[in-house]
């Protein structure tokens, strides 16, 4: 029972208790999960899974960053960033490498291009995962709790990359428990509980004056004073 609109340049923070449906909603948007009822539209065009060619093209316009990085351990950082460009976008190896190096530089990991995931810190792995998604030139980036598997010291470096993306106008939907990020970087907050949107507002208004009792209760527990 979710109805949601995301506009170009939005940075949507999906927040709520564990099991509220945040990650499922994100996976439905990307087509990793198929919806039982209702429809998902991109630029007013239905994402119809039965129209495989068009559906795949629509999905390719979205970058997805997972909680546990999902890098290929047997491939170098550079190879991880090149693979889908060659296989999905049909780029030449040279074109894919040029794009990969550009985005690895953007996330501050150009010097790690020949390293393998097992030799990277958690924060570095997640930044590679972000670079890999950006290599596909997406119109929208979906993040599923991108910092929850990281040590506290590594969280900031990943959030800074996401913050920079937002400044550059990237449309983002972020499932997050990082309330500081949701408050300072996000433009809108969507608060879910038990599979439904309980409250939706600008980040400023949501955190300063939540309207629902459920949101007030949630915020009272996640902010320790």
N, C-alpha and C. Protein backbone atom coordinates (compact mmCIF):
# COMPACT_ATOMS: atom_id res chain seq x y z
N UNK A 1 0.84 -1.20 0.00
CA UNK A 1 0.00 0.00 0.00
C UNK A 1 0.88 1.25 0.00
N UNK A 2 1.72 1.37 -1.03
CA UNK A 2 2.65 2.49 -1.11
C UNK A 2 2.41 3.24 -2.41
N UNK A 3 2.25 4.54 -2.31
CA UNK A 3 2.17 5.40 -3.49
C UNK A 3 3.19 6.52 -3.30
N UNK A 4 4.10 6.65 -4.27
CA UNK A 4 5.24 7.54 -4.08
C UNK A 4 5.66 8.11 -5.43
N UNK A 5 6.01 9.39 -5.44
CA UNK A 5 6.55 10.01 -6.65
C UNK A 5 7.94 10.57 -6.35
N UNK A 6 8.86 10.33 -7.27
CA UNK A 6 10.22 10.83 -7.13
C UNK A 6 10.50 11.73 -8.33
N UNK A 7 10.94 12.95 -8.06
CA UNK A 7 11.18 13.92 -9.12
C UNK A 7 12.68 14.09 -9.36
N UNK A 8 13.00 14.56 -10.54
CA UNK A 8 14.41 14.77 -10.91
C UNK A 8 15.09 15.68 -9.88
N UNK A 9 16.23 15.23 -9.39
CA UNK A 9 16.98 16.01 -8.41
C UNK A 9 16.60 15.74 -6.97
N UNK A 10 15.56 14.94 -6.75
CA UNK A 10 15.17 14.58 -5.39
C UNK A 10 16.24 13.71 -4.73
N UNK A 11 16.40 13.88 -3.44
CA UNK A 11 17.18 12.94 -2.63
C UNK A 11 16.22 12.44 -1.56
N UNK A 12 15.63 11.28 -1.81
CA UNK A 12 14.60 10.73 -0.94
C UNK A 12 15.25 9.82 0.10
N UNK A 13 14.99 10.07 1.36
CA UNK A 13 15.45 9.18 2.43
C UNK A 13 14.28 8.28 2.84
N UNK A 14 14.44 6.98 2.62
CA UNK A 14 13.44 6.01 3.08
C UNK A 14 13.87 5.55 4.47
N UNK A 15 13.11 5.92 5.47
CA UNK A 15 13.47 5.54 6.83
C UNK A 15 12.29 4.84 7.51
N UNK A 16 12.61 4.18 8.62
CA UNK A 16 11.58 3.45 9.35
C UNK A 16 12.21 2.27 10.06
N UNK A 17 11.44 1.59 10.91
CA UNK A 17 11.98 0.45 11.66
C UNK A 17 12.32 -0.72 10.75
N UNK A 18 13.13 -1.63 11.26
CA UNK A 18 13.48 -2.83 10.50
C UNK A 18 12.21 -3.62 10.17
N UNK A 19 12.13 -4.13 8.94
CA UNK A 19 10.97 -4.90 8.53
C UNK A 19 9.79 -4.07 8.07
N UNK A 20 10.01 -2.76 7.91
CA UNK A 20 8.90 -1.89 7.51
C UNK A 20 8.65 -1.89 6.01
N UNK A 21 9.59 -2.46 5.23
CA UNK A 21 9.38 -2.54 3.80
C UNK A 21 10.27 -1.62 2.97
N UNK A 22 11.25 -0.99 3.61
CA UNK A 22 12.09 -0.02 2.90
C UNK A 22 12.88 -0.67 1.76
N UNK A 23 13.61 -1.72 2.09
CA UNK A 23 14.43 -2.39 1.07
C UNK A 23 13.56 -3.06 0.02
N UNK A 24 12.43 -3.61 0.43
CA UNK A 24 11.52 -4.24 -0.54
C UNK A 24 11.01 -3.21 -1.54
N UNK A 25 10.66 -2.03 -1.04
CA UNK A 25 10.19 -0.96 -1.92
C UNK A 25 11.28 -0.60 -2.93
N UNK A 26 12.52 -0.46 -2.45
CA UNK A 26 13.63 -0.11 -3.33
C UNK A 26 13.85 -1.19 -4.40
N UNK A 27 13.76 -2.45 -3.98
CA UNK A 27 13.96 -3.56 -4.91
C UNK A 27 12.82 -3.63 -5.93
N UNK A 28 11.63 -3.24 -5.52
CA UNK A 28 10.49 -3.19 -6.45
C UNK A 28 10.71 -2.10 -7.50
N UNK A 29 11.22 -0.95 -7.06
CA UNK A 29 11.47 0.15 -8.00
C UNK A 29 12.45 -0.30 -9.08
N UNK A 30 13.46 -1.06 -8.68
CA UNK A 30 14.49 -1.48 -9.62
C UNK A 30 14.10 -2.72 -10.42
N UNK A 31 13.04 -3.38 -10.01
CA UNK A 31 12.63 -4.58 -10.72
C UNK A 31 13.27 -5.85 -10.22
N UNK A 32 14.00 -5.77 -9.11
CA UNK A 32 14.58 -6.97 -8.50
C UNK A 32 13.48 -7.81 -7.85
N UNK A 33 12.40 -7.15 -7.47
CA UNK A 33 11.20 -7.83 -6.98
C UNK A 33 10.04 -7.39 -7.86
N UNK A 34 9.16 -8.31 -8.21
CA UNK A 34 7.99 -7.95 -9.00
C UNK A 34 6.81 -7.67 -8.08
N UNK A 35 6.08 -6.62 -8.40
CA UNK A 35 4.94 -6.23 -7.55
C UNK A 35 3.74 -7.12 -7.86
N UNK A 36 2.95 -7.39 -6.82
CA UNK A 36 1.74 -8.20 -6.98
C UNK A 36 0.60 -7.36 -7.54
N UNK A 37 0.50 -6.14 -7.04
CA UNK A 37 -0.53 -5.22 -7.55
C UNK A 37 0.10 -3.84 -7.70
N UNK A 38 -0.54 -3.01 -8.53
CA UNK A 38 -0.01 -1.68 -8.75
C UNK A 38 1.03 -1.67 -9.86
N UNK A 39 1.46 -0.47 -10.25
CA UNK A 39 2.41 -0.31 -11.34
C UNK A 39 3.48 0.71 -10.97
N UNK A 40 4.65 0.55 -11.56
CA UNK A 40 5.75 1.48 -11.38
C UNK A 40 6.03 2.13 -12.72
N UNK A 41 6.15 3.45 -12.71
CA UNK A 41 6.35 4.21 -13.94
C UNK A 41 7.68 4.95 -13.90
N UNK A 42 8.33 5.03 -15.04
CA UNK A 42 9.51 5.88 -15.20
C UNK A 42 9.23 6.84 -16.34
N UNK A 43 9.33 8.13 -16.05
CA UNK A 43 8.98 9.16 -17.05
C UNK A 43 7.61 8.89 -17.66
N UNK A 44 6.67 8.55 -16.78
CA UNK A 44 5.26 8.32 -17.16
C UNK A 44 5.06 7.09 -18.05
N UNK A 45 6.08 6.23 -18.15
CA UNK A 45 5.93 5.00 -18.91
C UNK A 45 5.99 3.80 -17.97
N UNK A 46 5.00 2.93 -18.06
CA UNK A 46 4.90 1.76 -17.19
C UNK A 46 6.10 0.85 -17.38
N UNK A 47 6.70 0.45 -16.27
CA UNK A 47 7.77 -0.54 -16.31
C UNK A 47 7.13 -1.93 -16.31
N UNK A 48 6.85 -2.41 -17.48
CA UNK A 48 6.13 -3.67 -17.65
C UNK A 48 7.13 -4.82 -17.79
N UNK A 49 7.22 -5.71 -16.79
CA UNK A 49 8.19 -6.81 -16.85
C UNK A 49 7.99 -7.75 -18.04
N UNK A 50 6.78 -7.77 -18.59
CA UNK A 50 6.51 -8.65 -19.72
C UNK A 50 7.11 -8.13 -21.03
N UNK A 51 7.37 -6.83 -21.07
CA UNK A 51 8.04 -6.23 -22.22
C UNK A 51 9.53 -6.20 -21.91
N UNK A 52 10.18 -7.34 -22.09
CA UNK A 52 11.53 -7.54 -21.56
C UNK A 52 12.55 -6.52 -22.07
N UNK A 53 12.53 -6.24 -23.34
CA UNK A 53 13.52 -5.32 -23.91
C UNK A 53 13.39 -3.92 -23.32
N UNK A 54 12.17 -3.41 -23.27
CA UNK A 54 11.95 -2.07 -22.74
C UNK A 54 12.20 -2.04 -21.24
N UNK A 55 11.76 -3.10 -20.56
CA UNK A 55 11.94 -3.19 -19.10
C UNK A 55 13.43 -3.16 -18.75
N UNK A 56 14.22 -3.89 -19.53
CA UNK A 56 15.67 -3.93 -19.29
C UNK A 56 16.29 -2.56 -19.53
N UNK A 57 15.83 -1.87 -20.57
CA UNK A 57 16.34 -0.53 -20.86
C UNK A 57 15.99 0.45 -19.74
N UNK A 58 14.79 0.32 -19.18
CA UNK A 58 14.39 1.19 -18.07
C UNK A 58 15.23 0.90 -16.83
N UNK A 59 15.44 -0.38 -16.56
CA UNK A 59 16.26 -0.76 -15.39
C UNK A 59 17.69 -0.26 -15.53
N UNK A 60 18.20 -0.26 -16.76
CA UNK A 60 19.57 0.18 -17.00
C UNK A 60 19.77 1.66 -16.73
N UNK A 61 18.67 2.38 -16.59
CA UNK A 61 18.77 3.81 -16.25
C UNK A 61 18.89 4.03 -14.75
N UNK A 62 18.86 2.94 -13.98
CA UNK A 62 18.96 3.02 -12.53
C UNK A 62 20.22 2.33 -12.03
N UNK A 63 20.96 3.01 -11.18
CA UNK A 63 22.10 2.38 -10.51
C UNK A 63 21.66 1.87 -9.15
N UNK A 64 22.15 0.70 -8.75
CA UNK A 64 21.75 0.11 -7.46
C UNK A 64 23.00 -0.19 -6.65
N UNK A 65 23.06 0.36 -5.43
CA UNK A 65 24.20 0.11 -4.54
C UNK A 65 23.69 -0.69 -3.34
N UNK A 66 24.27 -1.88 -3.15
CA UNK A 66 23.79 -2.81 -2.15
C UNK A 66 24.48 -2.60 -0.79
N UNK A 67 23.88 -3.17 0.21
CA UNK A 67 24.40 -3.09 1.57
C UNK A 67 25.77 -3.76 1.69
N UNK A 68 25.93 -4.89 1.01
CA UNK A 68 27.18 -5.66 1.14
C UNK A 68 28.01 -5.63 -0.14
N UNK A 69 27.98 -4.49 -0.83
CA UNK A 69 28.87 -4.16 -1.95
C UNK A 69 28.62 -4.99 -3.21
N UNK A 70 28.55 -6.34 -3.07
CA UNK A 70 28.32 -7.23 -4.22
C UNK A 70 29.35 -7.05 -5.34
N UNK A 71 30.61 -6.83 -4.96
CA UNK A 71 31.67 -6.79 -5.96
C UNK A 71 32.09 -8.22 -6.31
N UNK A 72 32.63 -8.40 -7.51
CA UNK A 72 33.14 -9.71 -7.91
C UNK A 72 34.54 -9.88 -7.33
N UNK A 73 34.74 -10.81 -6.39
CA UNK A 73 36.02 -10.91 -5.69
C UNK A 73 37.18 -11.34 -6.58
N UNK A 74 36.87 -12.04 -7.69
CA UNK A 74 37.94 -12.52 -8.58
C UNK A 74 38.32 -11.51 -9.65
N UNK A 75 37.76 -10.30 -9.56
CA UNK A 75 38.07 -9.25 -10.53
C UNK A 75 38.66 -8.05 -9.82
N UNK A 76 39.56 -7.36 -10.48
CA UNK A 76 40.13 -6.14 -9.91
C UNK A 76 39.07 -5.05 -9.85
N UNK A 77 39.38 -3.99 -9.16
CA UNK A 77 38.48 -2.84 -9.06
C UNK A 77 38.12 -2.34 -10.47
N UNK A 78 39.13 -2.19 -11.30
CA UNK A 78 38.89 -1.70 -12.67
C UNK A 78 38.00 -2.66 -13.45
N UNK A 79 38.27 -3.96 -13.33
CA UNK A 79 37.46 -4.95 -14.04
C UNK A 79 36.02 -4.95 -13.56
N UNK A 80 35.82 -4.77 -12.25
CA UNK A 80 34.47 -4.66 -11.70
C UNK A 80 33.70 -3.51 -12.33
N UNK A 81 34.41 -2.41 -12.56
CA UNK A 81 33.75 -1.21 -13.09
C UNK A 81 33.55 -1.27 -14.61
N UNK A 82 34.30 -2.15 -15.28
CA UNK A 82 34.20 -2.25 -16.73
C UNK A 82 33.17 -3.28 -17.19
N UNK A 83 32.97 -4.32 -16.40
CA UNK A 83 32.24 -5.49 -16.85
C UNK A 83 30.86 -5.17 -17.45
N UNK A 84 30.01 -4.52 -16.66
CA UNK A 84 28.64 -4.27 -17.12
C UNK A 84 28.61 -3.29 -18.29
N UNK A 85 29.57 -2.37 -18.34
CA UNK A 85 29.62 -1.44 -19.47
C UNK A 85 29.80 -2.19 -20.78
N UNK A 86 30.68 -3.19 -20.74
CA UNK A 86 30.96 -3.97 -21.95
C UNK A 86 29.81 -4.94 -22.24
N UNK A 87 29.34 -5.64 -21.18
CA UNK A 87 28.33 -6.68 -21.37
C UNK A 87 26.93 -6.12 -21.63
N UNK A 88 26.60 -5.03 -20.95
CA UNK A 88 25.23 -4.49 -21.03
C UNK A 88 25.12 -3.31 -21.99
N UNK A 89 26.08 -2.38 -21.91
CA UNK A 89 26.02 -1.18 -22.75
C UNK A 89 26.76 -1.37 -24.09
N UNK A 90 27.41 -2.53 -24.23
CA UNK A 90 28.14 -2.85 -25.48
C UNK A 90 29.24 -1.85 -25.80
N UNK A 91 29.88 -1.33 -24.77
CA UNK A 91 31.02 -0.43 -24.98
C UNK A 91 32.26 -1.24 -25.35
N UNK A 92 33.19 -0.59 -26.01
CA UNK A 92 34.48 -1.25 -26.24
C UNK A 92 35.25 -1.27 -24.92
N UNK A 93 36.25 -2.11 -24.84
CA UNK A 93 37.06 -2.19 -23.63
C UNK A 93 37.71 -0.85 -23.32
N UNK A 94 38.16 -0.15 -24.36
CA UNK A 94 38.81 1.15 -24.17
C UNK A 94 37.82 2.19 -23.64
N UNK A 95 36.63 2.21 -24.19
CA UNK A 95 35.60 3.16 -23.73
C UNK A 95 35.23 2.88 -22.28
N UNK A 96 35.07 1.59 -21.95
CA UNK A 96 34.69 1.20 -20.59
C UNK A 96 35.79 1.59 -19.60
N UNK A 97 37.04 1.39 -20.00
CA UNK A 97 38.15 1.72 -19.10
C UNK A 97 38.23 3.22 -18.85
N UNK A 98 38.03 4.01 -19.88
CA UNK A 98 38.07 5.46 -19.72
C UNK A 98 37.01 5.94 -18.73
N UNK A 99 35.79 5.41 -18.86
CA UNK A 99 34.70 5.78 -17.96
C UNK A 99 34.99 5.29 -16.54
N UNK A 100 35.49 4.06 -16.42
CA UNK A 100 35.79 3.49 -15.10
C UNK A 100 36.83 4.32 -14.37
N UNK A 101 37.88 4.70 -15.06
CA UNK A 101 38.94 5.50 -14.43
C UNK A 101 38.40 6.87 -13.99
N UNK A 102 37.51 7.42 -14.80
CA UNK A 102 36.91 8.73 -14.47
C UNK A 102 36.14 8.66 -13.15
N UNK A 103 35.32 7.61 -13.01
CA UNK A 103 34.50 7.53 -11.80
C UNK A 103 35.29 7.03 -10.58
N UNK A 104 36.29 6.20 -10.80
CA UNK A 104 37.15 5.81 -9.68
C UNK A 104 37.89 7.03 -9.14
N UNK A 105 38.27 7.92 -10.04
CA UNK A 105 38.90 9.18 -9.62
C UNK A 105 37.91 10.02 -8.83
N UNK A 106 36.67 10.03 -9.28
CA UNK A 106 35.64 10.84 -8.63
C UNK A 106 35.37 10.38 -7.19
N UNK A 107 35.48 9.06 -6.94
CA UNK A 107 35.24 8.55 -5.58
C UNK A 107 36.56 8.40 -4.80
N UNK A 108 37.65 8.91 -5.40
CA UNK A 108 38.93 8.93 -4.69
C UNK A 108 39.64 7.60 -4.61
N UNK A 109 39.46 6.73 -5.60
CA UNK A 109 40.07 5.40 -5.53
C UNK A 109 40.83 5.03 -6.81
N UNK A 110 41.28 6.02 -7.54
CA UNK A 110 41.99 5.75 -8.78
C UNK A 110 43.23 4.89 -8.54
N UNK A 111 43.91 5.14 -7.41
CA UNK A 111 45.15 4.40 -7.14
C UNK A 111 44.88 2.94 -6.78
N UNK A 112 43.62 2.58 -6.55
CA UNK A 112 43.26 1.20 -6.19
C UNK A 112 42.72 0.41 -7.39
N UNK A 113 42.89 0.94 -8.60
CA UNK A 113 42.25 0.34 -9.77
C UNK A 113 42.68 -1.11 -10.02
N UNK A 114 43.90 -1.46 -9.64
CA UNK A 114 44.39 -2.81 -9.88
C UNK A 114 44.26 -3.73 -8.66
N UNK A 115 43.73 -3.17 -7.57
CA UNK A 115 43.55 -3.97 -6.35
C UNK A 115 42.32 -4.86 -6.48
N UNK A 116 42.27 -5.89 -5.65
CA UNK A 116 41.12 -6.78 -5.61
C UNK A 116 40.28 -6.46 -4.37
N UNK A 117 38.97 -6.72 -4.43
CA UNK A 117 38.08 -6.36 -3.32
C UNK A 117 38.57 -6.82 -1.94
N UNK A 118 39.17 -8.01 -1.87
CA UNK A 118 39.62 -8.52 -0.58
C UNK A 118 40.72 -7.68 0.06
N UNK A 119 41.35 -6.83 -0.75
CA UNK A 119 42.41 -5.97 -0.24
C UNK A 119 41.94 -4.57 0.07
N UNK A 120 40.63 -4.37 0.04
CA UNK A 120 40.06 -3.05 0.31
C UNK A 120 39.32 -3.03 1.64
N UNK A 121 39.24 -1.85 2.23
CA UNK A 121 38.41 -1.69 3.43
C UNK A 121 36.94 -1.67 3.01
N UNK A 122 36.05 -1.80 3.99
CA UNK A 122 34.62 -1.76 3.70
C UNK A 122 34.20 -0.47 3.02
N UNK A 123 34.75 0.64 3.51
CA UNK A 123 34.41 1.94 2.92
C UNK A 123 34.88 2.05 1.49
N UNK A 124 36.08 1.50 1.23
CA UNK A 124 36.59 1.52 -0.14
C UNK A 124 35.76 0.64 -1.06
N UNK A 125 35.36 -0.53 -0.57
CA UNK A 125 34.50 -1.42 -1.37
C UNK A 125 33.21 -0.72 -1.76
N UNK A 126 32.62 -0.01 -0.80
CA UNK A 126 31.35 0.64 -1.09
C UNK A 126 31.53 1.78 -2.07
N UNK A 127 32.64 2.48 -1.99
CA UNK A 127 32.90 3.55 -2.95
C UNK A 127 33.13 2.98 -4.36
N UNK A 128 33.78 1.82 -4.43
CA UNK A 128 33.92 1.14 -5.73
C UNK A 128 32.55 0.77 -6.27
N UNK A 129 31.68 0.26 -5.39
CA UNK A 129 30.33 -0.12 -5.81
C UNK A 129 29.57 1.09 -6.35
N UNK A 130 29.77 2.24 -5.73
CA UNK A 130 29.13 3.47 -6.21
C UNK A 130 29.70 3.86 -7.57
N UNK A 131 31.03 3.80 -7.70
CA UNK A 131 31.66 4.11 -8.99
C UNK A 131 31.16 3.18 -10.08
N UNK A 132 31.06 1.88 -9.75
CA UNK A 132 30.59 0.90 -10.72
C UNK A 132 29.18 1.24 -11.21
N UNK A 133 28.31 1.63 -10.27
CA UNK A 133 26.94 2.01 -10.66
C UNK A 133 26.95 3.27 -11.53
N UNK A 134 27.79 4.23 -11.19
CA UNK A 134 27.86 5.48 -11.95
C UNK A 134 28.39 5.26 -13.36
N UNK A 135 29.21 4.23 -13.54
CA UNK A 135 29.76 3.92 -14.87
C UNK A 135 28.66 3.62 -15.88
N UNK A 136 27.49 3.24 -15.40
CA UNK A 136 26.38 2.92 -16.29
C UNK A 136 25.58 4.16 -16.69
N UNK A 137 26.07 5.33 -16.24
CA UNK A 137 25.44 6.62 -16.55
C UNK A 137 23.95 6.64 -16.19
N UNK A 138 23.62 6.32 -14.94
CA UNK A 138 22.20 6.22 -14.55
C UNK A 138 21.54 7.59 -14.38
N UNK A 139 20.23 7.61 -14.53
CA UNK A 139 19.46 8.82 -14.26
C UNK A 139 19.08 8.91 -12.78
N UNK A 140 19.07 7.75 -12.12
CA UNK A 140 18.68 7.71 -10.72
C UNK A 140 19.53 6.65 -10.00
N UNK A 141 19.93 6.95 -8.77
CA UNK A 141 20.72 6.02 -7.98
C UNK A 141 19.88 5.53 -6.80
N UNK A 142 19.87 4.21 -6.61
CA UNK A 142 19.16 3.59 -5.49
C UNK A 142 20.19 3.02 -4.53
N UNK A 143 20.09 3.39 -3.27
CA UNK A 143 21.03 2.93 -2.25
C UNK A 143 20.28 2.15 -1.17
N UNK A 144 20.68 0.90 -0.95
CA UNK A 144 20.03 0.07 0.07
C UNK A 144 20.93 -0.05 1.30
N UNK A 145 20.71 0.83 2.26
CA UNK A 145 21.50 0.86 3.50
C UNK A 145 23.01 0.75 3.19
N UNK A 146 23.54 1.70 2.44
CA UNK A 146 24.92 1.59 1.95
C UNK A 146 25.99 1.67 3.04
N UNK A 147 25.62 2.08 4.25
CA UNK A 147 26.64 2.21 5.30
C UNK A 147 26.44 1.24 6.45
N UNK A 148 25.40 0.41 6.41
CA UNK A 148 25.07 -0.41 7.58
C UNK A 148 26.09 -1.51 7.83
N UNK A 149 26.85 -1.91 6.81
CA UNK A 149 27.84 -2.97 6.99
C UNK A 149 29.23 -2.41 7.28
N UNK A 150 29.32 -1.10 7.47
CA UNK A 150 30.63 -0.45 7.62
C UNK A 150 30.96 -0.13 9.06
N UNK A 151 32.26 -0.10 9.36
CA UNK A 151 32.72 0.40 10.65
C UNK A 151 32.42 1.89 10.72
N UNK A 152 32.17 2.41 11.93
CA UNK A 152 31.82 3.84 12.07
C UNK A 152 32.80 4.79 11.38
N UNK A 153 34.09 4.46 11.41
CA UNK A 153 35.08 5.36 10.81
C UNK A 153 34.97 5.42 9.29
N UNK A 154 34.36 4.40 8.71
CA UNK A 154 34.28 4.34 7.24
C UNK A 154 32.98 4.92 6.69
N UNK A 155 32.04 5.17 7.57
CA UNK A 155 30.73 5.64 7.12
C UNK A 155 30.82 7.00 6.47
N UNK A 156 31.61 7.89 7.07
CA UNK A 156 31.66 9.28 6.58
C UNK A 156 32.16 9.35 5.15
N UNK A 157 33.18 8.52 4.81
CA UNK A 157 33.75 8.61 3.46
C UNK A 157 32.73 8.23 2.40
N UNK A 158 31.85 7.29 2.72
CA UNK A 158 30.81 6.89 1.77
C UNK A 158 29.73 7.96 1.70
N UNK A 159 29.33 8.49 2.83
CA UNK A 159 28.29 9.53 2.84
C UNK A 159 28.76 10.79 2.12
N UNK A 160 30.06 11.09 2.21
CA UNK A 160 30.60 12.27 1.51
C UNK A 160 30.48 12.11 0.00
N UNK A 161 30.74 10.90 -0.49
CA UNK A 161 30.59 10.64 -1.93
C UNK A 161 29.13 10.83 -2.34
N UNK A 162 28.22 10.32 -1.52
CA UNK A 162 26.79 10.47 -1.82
C UNK A 162 26.35 11.93 -1.76
N UNK A 163 26.91 12.64 -0.80
CA UNK A 163 26.60 14.07 -0.66
C UNK A 163 27.04 14.84 -1.91
N UNK A 164 28.24 14.50 -2.42
CA UNK A 164 28.74 15.15 -3.63
C UNK A 164 27.85 14.84 -4.83
N UNK A 165 27.37 13.60 -4.90
CA UNK A 165 26.45 13.22 -5.98
C UNK A 165 25.20 14.09 -5.95
N UNK A 166 24.69 14.28 -4.73
CA UNK A 166 23.50 15.11 -4.57
C UNK A 166 23.73 16.54 -5.03
N UNK A 167 24.91 17.07 -4.73
CA UNK A 167 25.25 18.44 -5.14
C UNK A 167 25.31 18.57 -6.66
N UNK A 168 25.65 17.45 -7.32
CA UNK A 168 25.75 17.45 -8.78
C UNK A 168 24.39 17.21 -9.44
N UNK A 169 23.34 17.06 -8.62
CA UNK A 169 21.99 16.95 -9.16
C UNK A 169 21.49 15.54 -9.40
N UNK A 170 22.24 14.53 -8.90
CA UNK A 170 21.81 13.15 -9.09
C UNK A 170 20.53 12.88 -8.30
N UNK A 171 19.56 12.26 -8.94
CA UNK A 171 18.34 11.82 -8.27
C UNK A 171 18.67 10.56 -7.47
N UNK A 172 18.30 10.53 -6.19
CA UNK A 172 18.66 9.40 -5.35
C UNK A 172 17.50 8.99 -4.44
N UNK A 173 17.37 7.69 -4.26
CA UNK A 173 16.46 7.14 -3.25
C UNK A 173 17.34 6.29 -2.34
N UNK A 174 17.34 6.63 -1.05
CA UNK A 174 18.31 6.04 -0.12
C UNK A 174 17.59 5.42 1.07
N UNK A 175 17.71 4.11 1.21
CA UNK A 175 17.26 3.45 2.44
C UNK A 175 18.39 3.62 3.44
N UNK A 176 18.10 4.28 4.55
CA UNK A 176 19.19 4.61 5.47
C UNK A 176 18.74 4.67 6.92
N UNK A 177 19.70 4.34 7.80
CA UNK A 177 19.51 4.56 9.24
C UNK A 177 20.33 5.76 9.70
N UNK A 178 21.01 6.42 8.75
CA UNK A 178 21.83 7.58 9.09
C UNK A 178 20.94 8.83 9.11
N UNK A 179 20.45 9.16 10.29
CA UNK A 179 19.50 10.26 10.41
C UNK A 179 20.16 11.61 10.09
N UNK A 180 21.45 11.72 10.39
CA UNK A 180 22.15 12.97 10.08
C UNK A 180 22.19 13.21 8.58
N UNK A 181 22.44 12.16 7.82
CA UNK A 181 22.45 12.26 6.35
C UNK A 181 21.06 12.60 5.85
N UNK A 182 20.05 11.90 6.36
CA UNK A 182 18.67 12.15 5.93
C UNK A 182 18.25 13.59 6.21
N UNK A 183 18.74 14.11 7.31
CA UNK A 183 18.35 15.46 7.73
C UNK A 183 19.09 16.54 6.95
N UNK A 184 20.39 16.33 6.73
CA UNK A 184 21.22 17.38 6.13
C UNK A 184 21.30 17.31 4.61
N UNK A 185 21.27 16.11 4.07
CA UNK A 185 21.48 15.94 2.63
C UNK A 185 20.18 15.66 1.89
N UNK A 186 19.31 14.86 2.51
CA UNK A 186 18.05 14.50 1.87
C UNK A 186 17.14 15.70 1.67
N UNK A 187 16.39 15.68 0.57
CA UNK A 187 15.42 16.75 0.33
C UNK A 187 14.04 16.37 0.89
N UNK A 188 13.73 15.06 0.86
CA UNK A 188 12.44 14.60 1.38
C UNK A 188 12.65 13.32 2.18
N UNK A 189 11.79 13.13 3.16
CA UNK A 189 11.80 11.91 3.97
C UNK A 189 10.49 11.17 3.73
N UNK A 190 10.62 9.87 3.51
CA UNK A 190 9.44 8.99 3.43
C UNK A 190 9.59 7.99 4.57
N UNK A 191 8.68 8.07 5.54
CA UNK A 191 8.73 7.22 6.73
C UNK A 191 7.76 6.07 6.57
N UNK A 192 8.30 4.84 6.58
CA UNK A 192 7.47 3.65 6.41
C UNK A 192 7.34 2.88 7.72
N UNK A 193 6.21 2.22 7.85
CA UNK A 193 6.01 1.29 8.96
C UNK A 193 4.99 0.25 8.52
N UNK A 194 5.32 -1.03 8.73
CA UNK A 194 4.43 -2.14 8.39
C UNK A 194 3.94 -2.07 6.94
N UNK A 195 4.87 -1.76 6.04
CA UNK A 195 4.57 -1.80 4.62
C UNK A 195 3.77 -0.63 4.08
N UNK A 196 3.62 0.43 4.86
CA UNK A 196 2.86 1.59 4.41
C UNK A 196 3.63 2.87 4.70
N UNK A 197 3.37 3.89 3.88
CA UNK A 197 3.94 5.20 4.15
C UNK A 197 3.10 5.88 5.22
N UNK A 198 3.73 6.11 6.37
CA UNK A 198 3.03 6.75 7.48
C UNK A 198 3.10 8.26 7.35
N UNK A 199 4.24 8.74 6.86
CA UNK A 199 4.43 10.19 6.77
C UNK A 199 5.44 10.50 5.69
N UNK A 200 5.21 11.61 4.99
CA UNK A 200 6.13 12.08 3.95
C UNK A 200 6.20 13.59 4.02
N UNK A 201 7.43 14.12 4.04
CA UNK A 201 7.57 15.58 4.17
C UNK A 201 8.97 15.99 3.74
N UNK A 202 9.20 17.29 3.69
CA UNK A 202 10.57 17.74 3.47
C UNK A 202 11.40 17.30 4.68
N UNK A 203 12.69 17.13 4.48
CA UNK A 203 13.54 16.67 5.57
C UNK A 203 13.48 17.62 6.76
N UNK A 204 13.52 18.89 6.47
CA UNK A 204 13.50 19.89 7.55
C UNK A 204 12.23 19.77 8.38
N UNK A 205 11.09 19.72 7.73
CA UNK A 205 9.82 19.66 8.46
C UNK A 205 9.64 18.33 9.18
N UNK A 206 10.08 17.25 8.55
CA UNK A 206 9.91 15.94 9.18
C UNK A 206 10.67 15.86 10.50
N UNK A 207 11.92 16.31 10.48
CA UNK A 207 12.73 16.17 11.69
C UNK A 207 12.39 17.23 12.74
N UNK A 208 11.95 18.40 12.32
CA UNK A 208 11.62 19.45 13.29
C UNK A 208 10.22 19.31 13.86
N UNK A 209 9.31 18.78 13.04
CA UNK A 209 7.92 18.71 13.50
C UNK A 209 7.18 17.54 12.86
N UNK A 210 7.54 16.30 13.25
CA UNK A 210 6.83 15.13 12.70
C UNK A 210 5.35 15.19 13.04
N UNK A 211 4.51 14.78 12.09
CA UNK A 211 3.07 14.93 12.27
C UNK A 211 2.42 13.70 12.92
N UNK A 212 2.94 12.50 12.65
CA UNK A 212 2.31 11.29 13.15
C UNK A 212 2.93 10.87 14.48
N UNK A 213 2.13 10.24 15.31
CA UNK A 213 2.64 9.74 16.59
C UNK A 213 3.70 8.66 16.38
N UNK A 214 3.50 7.86 15.32
CA UNK A 214 4.47 6.79 15.04
C UNK A 214 5.84 7.37 14.70
N UNK A 215 5.87 8.42 13.90
CA UNK A 215 7.15 9.06 13.54
C UNK A 215 7.79 9.72 14.76
N UNK A 216 6.96 10.34 15.58
CA UNK A 216 7.49 10.97 16.81
C UNK A 216 8.13 9.93 17.71
N UNK A 217 7.46 8.79 17.84
CA UNK A 217 7.98 7.71 18.68
C UNK A 217 9.29 7.17 18.11
N UNK A 218 9.34 7.00 16.78
CA UNK A 218 10.54 6.49 16.12
C UNK A 218 11.72 7.43 16.34
N UNK A 219 11.49 8.71 16.12
CA UNK A 219 12.58 9.69 16.25
C UNK A 219 13.05 9.81 17.69
N UNK A 220 12.15 9.65 18.64
CA UNK A 220 12.54 9.74 20.05
C UNK A 220 13.49 8.61 20.43
N UNK A 221 13.41 7.51 19.68
CA UNK A 221 14.26 6.34 20.00
C UNK A 221 15.57 6.34 19.22
N UNK A 222 15.60 6.99 18.06
CA UNK A 222 16.84 6.97 17.26
C UNK A 222 17.76 8.16 17.57
N UNK A 223 17.19 9.20 18.18
CA UNK A 223 18.04 10.31 18.60
C UNK A 223 18.22 10.26 20.10
N UNK A 224 19.46 10.07 20.52
CA UNK A 224 19.74 9.99 21.96
C UNK A 224 20.25 11.35 22.43
N UNK A 225 19.61 11.90 23.44
CA UNK A 225 20.03 13.21 23.98
C UNK A 225 20.31 13.08 25.46
